[in-house]
């Protein structure tokens, strides 16, 4: 049913049973906190919620809302949230967060009707680096199972599906790092099969030296599909400028939305 709900989606989404299970496991999807809508005994809609303790307290993340085409325009999303929100509150959830494509006006309208508000815009990029491949002999490929990024390298926080916890729990990611004096000064973590890059960063003192370009070119050589960076939340625009400079193209904009429950 997951693929049927997204068959005519703005972005192609097609999950295998294995990839859906990995999504559930890595993002901490909780069926206890999720909901499905049925008609004549058949599922016609769903909302999957993941649950984690965050700096904001117990947080639910909408890991996927889907409604089959025949039941759209009938307040299906609103009805499902009316059912599940009291259960989320009872279980101690402080807030619900999600991302939605900016052109998905029907979904945005439904979420606002539930009480969600827009927090920020997120940009998505894809493409192969259109630059000459730099020397990458300095790169170390490391086990993501022991991945602990140096947060002092970050200019912005990754969204739920790109957090360190998600990456480590997935087991499908590879981390490429560059060191100086045995200290990491740049890294990129991505899924070579899907091409999805979850995190990348360069130490501020080592920027403008081609390290980021080196990492992207190296990963592009490993990837089976077109490299993409989802949900760039850099309010300064510097990350977006870098991605454009190396030849990646913006292809999607999303809104991060939040619903406060307490």
Protein backbone atom coordinates (compact mmCIF):
# COMPACT_ATOMS: atom_id res chain seq x y z
CA UNK A 1 0.00 0.00 0.00
CA UNK A 2 2.94 2.36 0.64
CA UNK A 3 3.88 2.46 -3.05
CA UNK A 4 0.23 2.76 -4.12
CA UNK A 5 -0.22 5.86 -1.95
CA UNK A 6 2.80 7.50 -3.59
CA UNK A 7 2.23 6.25 -7.16
CA UNK A 8 1.42 9.75 -8.46
CA UNK A 9 3.54 11.67 -5.94
CA UNK A 10 5.49 14.77 -6.94
CA UNK A 11 8.71 12.80 -6.44
CA UNK A 12 9.01 9.14 -7.41
CA UNK A 13 8.99 6.93 -4.32
CA UNK A 14 9.17 3.19 -4.65
CA UNK A 15 10.06 1.07 -1.65
CA UNK A 16 10.93 -2.61 -1.50
CA UNK A 17 10.00 -4.55 1.64
CA UNK A 18 13.68 -4.44 2.60
CA UNK A 19 14.07 -0.68 2.10
CA UNK A 20 10.84 0.01 3.99
CA UNK A 21 12.03 -2.14 6.89
CA UNK A 22 15.35 -0.28 6.91
CA UNK A 23 13.46 3.02 7.03
CA UNK A 24 11.40 1.79 9.99
CA UNK A 25 14.46 0.49 11.84
CA UNK A 26 16.79 3.42 11.18
CA UNK A 27 14.27 6.19 11.82
CA UNK A 28 12.69 4.51 14.89
CA UNK A 29 9.20 4.20 13.42
CA UNK A 30 6.76 3.07 16.10
CA UNK A 31 3.62 1.30 14.91
CA UNK A 32 2.16 1.90 18.37
CA UNK A 33 2.23 5.64 17.60
CA UNK A 34 1.15 5.30 13.96
CA UNK A 35 -2.30 5.12 12.43
CA UNK A 36 -4.07 3.66 9.40
CA UNK A 37 -7.41 4.48 7.79
CA UNK A 38 -9.60 1.67 6.46
CA UNK A 39 -12.57 1.48 4.12
CA UNK A 40 -14.52 -1.76 3.77
CA UNK A 41 -11.72 -3.59 5.52
CA UNK A 42 -8.99 -2.34 3.21
CA UNK A 43 -6.27 0.22 4.14
CA UNK A 44 -6.64 3.50 2.27
CA UNK A 45 -4.37 5.79 4.28
CA UNK A 46 -1.62 5.81 6.88
CA UNK A 47 0.64 8.00 8.98
CA UNK A 48 3.86 6.46 10.28
CA UNK A 49 5.38 8.15 13.32
CA UNK A 50 8.89 7.70 14.64
CA UNK A 51 9.56 8.45 18.31
CA UNK A 52 12.73 9.78 19.96
CA UNK A 53 13.82 11.79 22.98
CA UNK A 54 15.25 15.07 21.67
CA UNK A 55 16.30 18.41 23.14
CA UNK A 56 12.63 19.39 22.86
CA UNK A 57 11.54 16.36 24.86
CA UNK A 58 9.73 13.34 23.50
CA UNK A 59 9.24 14.02 19.79
CA UNK A 60 7.21 12.29 17.10
CA UNK A 61 8.42 12.53 13.50
CA UNK A 62 5.99 11.99 10.65
CA UNK A 63 8.03 9.47 8.67
CA UNK A 64 5.38 9.17 5.99
CA UNK A 65 1.77 10.12 5.28
CA UNK A 66 0.02 8.38 2.41
CA UNK A 67 -3.53 8.29 1.10
CA UNK A 68 -4.57 6.38 -2.00
CA UNK A 69 -5.88 8.68 -4.79
CA UNK A 70 -9.55 7.70 -4.43
CA UNK A 71 -9.68 8.95 -0.84
CA UNK A 72 -7.90 12.27 -1.25
CA UNK A 73 -9.87 15.45 -0.68
CA UNK A 74 -11.90 13.75 2.05
CA UNK A 75 -9.95 14.99 5.08
CA UNK A 76 -8.25 11.62 5.50
CA UNK A 77 -5.07 13.13 7.00
CA UNK A 78 -7.06 15.32 9.39
CA UNK A 79 -9.18 12.36 10.50
CA UNK A 80 -6.11 10.21 11.17
CA UNK A 81 -4.50 12.97 13.23
CA UNK A 82 -7.71 13.55 15.18
CA UNK A 83 -7.53 9.87 16.12
CA UNK A 84 -3.82 9.60 16.93
CA UNK A 85 -3.03 12.94 18.61
CA UNK A 86 -4.71 12.07 21.95
CA UNK A 87 -2.68 8.85 22.01
CA UNK A 88 0.54 10.78 21.32
CA UNK A 89 -0.25 13.21 24.14
CA UNK A 90 -1.05 10.34 26.51
CA UNK A 91 2.32 8.71 25.72
CA UNK A 92 4.16 11.93 26.62
CA UNK A 93 4.96 13.33 23.17
CA UNK A 94 5.71 17.07 23.32
CA UNK A 95 5.72 17.85 19.62
CA UNK A 96 5.29 16.39 16.14
CA UNK A 97 7.58 17.39 13.26
CA UNK A 98 7.48 16.64 9.53
CA UNK A 99 8.71 17.74 6.12
CA UNK A 100 6.39 18.40 3.20
CA UNK A 101 7.10 19.42 -0.41
CA UNK A 102 6.29 23.10 -0.90
CA UNK A 103 4.20 22.37 -4.00
CA UNK A 104 2.04 19.83 -2.14
CA UNK A 105 -0.56 22.47 -1.29
CA UNK A 106 -3.26 19.95 -0.36
CA UNK A 107 -1.04 18.29 2.25
CA UNK A 108 0.11 21.64 3.63
CA UNK A 109 -3.51 22.75 3.97
CA UNK A 110 -4.35 19.54 5.86
CA UNK A 111 -1.39 19.87 8.21
CA UNK A 112 -2.26 23.50 8.96
CA UNK A 113 -5.83 22.43 9.68
CA UNK A 114 -4.46 19.98 12.25
CA UNK A 115 -2.40 22.80 13.81
CA UNK A 116 1.06 22.45 12.24
CA UNK A 117 3.02 25.62 11.49
CA UNK A 118 5.91 26.14 9.05
CA UNK A 119 9.32 26.51 10.73
CA UNK A 120 11.76 26.77 7.82
CA UNK A 121 12.48 25.97 4.19
CA UNK A 122 14.70 23.03 3.25
CA UNK A 123 16.41 22.65 -0.13
CA UNK A 124 17.30 19.44 -1.96
CA UNK A 125 20.04 18.99 -4.58
CA UNK A 126 21.10 16.26 -6.98
CA UNK A 127 23.62 15.63 -9.72
CA UNK A 128 27.18 14.58 -10.33
CA UNK A 129 29.94 17.06 -9.47
CA UNK A 130 30.77 18.90 -12.68
CA UNK A 131 34.38 19.47 -11.70
CA UNK A 132 37.63 17.66 -12.34
CA UNK A 133 38.21 14.79 -9.92
CA UNK A 134 40.71 15.97 -7.29
CA UNK A 135 43.33 13.82 -5.64
CA UNK A 136 41.49 11.60 -3.14
CA UNK A 137 44.34 9.55 -1.71
CA UNK A 138 43.85 11.40 1.58
CA UNK A 139 40.34 9.97 2.07
CA UNK A 140 39.63 7.25 4.61
CA UNK A 141 36.55 5.09 4.14
CA UNK A 142 35.26 4.21 7.59
CA UNK A 143 32.66 2.02 9.23
CA UNK A 144 29.45 3.94 9.71
CA UNK A 145 28.52 1.58 12.54
CA UNK A 146 30.97 3.50 14.71
CA UNK A 147 30.25 6.88 13.12
CA UNK A 148 30.51 9.84 15.51
CA UNK A 149 30.66 13.13 13.56
CA UNK A 150 32.54 16.12 14.89
CA UNK A 151 29.64 18.49 15.48
CA UNK A 152 31.98 21.47 15.69
CA UNK A 153 32.21 21.14 11.90
CA UNK A 154 28.46 21.73 11.49
CA UNK A 155 26.84 25.00 10.45
CA UNK A 156 23.32 23.55 10.65
CA UNK A 157 21.52 20.55 12.12
CA UNK A 158 20.48 17.59 9.92
CA UNK A 159 16.81 16.66 9.79
CA UNK A 160 15.48 13.41 11.29
CA UNK A 161 16.24 11.08 8.39
CA UNK A 162 19.81 12.42 8.20
CA UNK A 163 20.71 12.42 11.89
CA UNK A 164 23.65 10.43 13.19
CA UNK A 165 21.27 8.08 15.02
CA UNK A 166 19.42 7.30 11.78
CA UNK A 167 22.64 6.80 9.83
CA UNK A 168 24.17 4.43 12.39
CA UNK A 169 20.97 2.40 12.79
CA UNK A 170 20.60 1.98 9.04
CA UNK A 171 23.89 0.22 8.34
CA UNK A 172 23.65 1.17 4.65
CA UNK A 173 25.88 4.23 4.80
CA UNK A 174 29.58 4.71 4.17
CA UNK A 175 31.63 7.50 5.71
CA UNK A 176 34.52 9.13 3.86
CA UNK A 177 36.78 11.31 6.02
CA UNK A 178 39.82 13.52 5.65
CA UNK A 179 42.20 13.91 8.59
CA UNK A 180 44.92 16.32 9.58
CA UNK A 181 47.21 15.42 12.49
CA UNK A 182 44.88 12.48 13.23
CA UNK A 183 41.89 14.81 13.65
CA UNK A 184 38.92 14.77 11.23
CA UNK A 185 38.69 18.01 9.29
CA UNK A 186 36.13 16.96 6.69
CA UNK A 187 33.70 14.09 6.16
CA UNK A 188 30.81 12.89 4.03
CA UNK A 189 28.37 10.13 4.95
CA UNK A 190 26.19 8.65 2.22
CA UNK A 191 24.39 5.57 0.97
CA UNK A 192 26.34 4.35 -2.10
CA UNK A 193 23.37 2.35 -3.40
CA UNK A 194 20.71 5.09 -3.31
CA UNK A 195 23.16 7.96 -3.80
CA UNK A 196 21.69 9.79 -0.81
CA UNK A 197 24.16 11.92 1.15
CA UNK A 198 23.02 12.31 4.75
CA UNK A 199 25.77 14.51 6.18
CA UNK A 200 28.86 16.40 5.06
CA UNK A 201 30.95 19.10 6.64
CA UNK A 202 34.38 20.75 6.50
CA UNK A 203 36.20 22.37 9.41
CA UNK A 204 35.83 26.17 9.06
CA UNK A 205 39.61 26.57 9.24
CA UNK A 206 40.09 24.20 6.29
CA UNK A 207 37.44 25.45 3.90
CA UNK A 208 38.11 26.77 0.38
CA UNK A 209 40.85 24.16 -0.05
CA UNK A 210 38.85 21.72 -2.18
CA UNK A 211 38.23 19.18 0.60
CA UNK A 212 34.45 19.23 0.18
CA UNK A 213 34.80 18.88 -3.59
CA UNK A 214 37.19 15.96 -3.10
CA UNK A 215 34.70 14.15 -0.88
CA UNK A 216 31.77 14.68 -3.26
CA UNK A 217 33.77 13.49 -6.27
CA UNK A 218 34.94 10.42 -4.34
CA UNK A 219 31.40 9.55 -3.26
CA UNK A 220 30.07 10.05 -6.80
CA UNK A 221 32.52 7.37 -7.90
CA UNK A 222 31.06 4.97 -5.33
CA UNK A 223 27.38 5.72 -5.92
CA UNK A 224 25.17 3.44 -7.99
CA UNK A 225 22.58 6.21 -8.42
CA UNK A 226 22.68 9.97 -8.85
CA UNK A 227 24.08 11.66 -5.71
CA UNK A 228 21.54 13.78 -3.87
CA UNK A 229 21.48 15.89 -0.73
CA UNK A 230 18.09 16.09 0.99
CA UNK A 231 16.90 18.85 3.34
CA UNK A 232 19.71 21.40 3.43
CA UNK A 233 18.78 23.71 6.29
CA UNK A 234 21.63 26.23 6.09
CA UNK A 235 20.00 29.60 6.68
CA UNK A 236 23.16 31.42 5.56
CA UNK A 237 22.96 29.88 2.09
CA UNK A 238 26.66 28.96 2.05
CA UNK A 239 26.00 25.21 1.78
CA UNK A 240 23.59 25.77 -1.10
CA UNK A 241 26.16 27.99 -2.86
CA UNK A 242 28.81 25.27 -2.48
CA UNK A 243 26.56 22.56 -3.92
CA UNK A 244 25.69 24.74 -6.91
CA UNK A 245 29.36 25.62 -7.42
CA UNK A 246 30.37 21.96 -7.76
CA UNK A 247 27.60 21.31 -10.27
CA UNK A 248 24.67 19.99 -8.24
CA UNK A 249 21.20 21.28 -9.08
CA UNK A 250 18.34 22.22 -6.73
CA UNK A 251 15.37 20.02 -7.60
CA UNK A 252 13.03 20.24 -4.63
CA UNK A 253 12.08 22.54 -1.76
CA UNK A 254 10.39 21.35 1.41
CA UNK A 255 8.89 22.96 4.48
CA UNK A 256 9.71 21.75 7.95
CA UNK A 257 6.54 21.93 10.04
CA UNK A 258 5.88 21.47 13.74
CA UNK A 259 2.89 20.86 15.98
CA UNK A 260 3.30 21.64 19.68
CA UNK A 261 1.32 19.30 21.92
CA UNK A 262 2.52 20.61 25.31
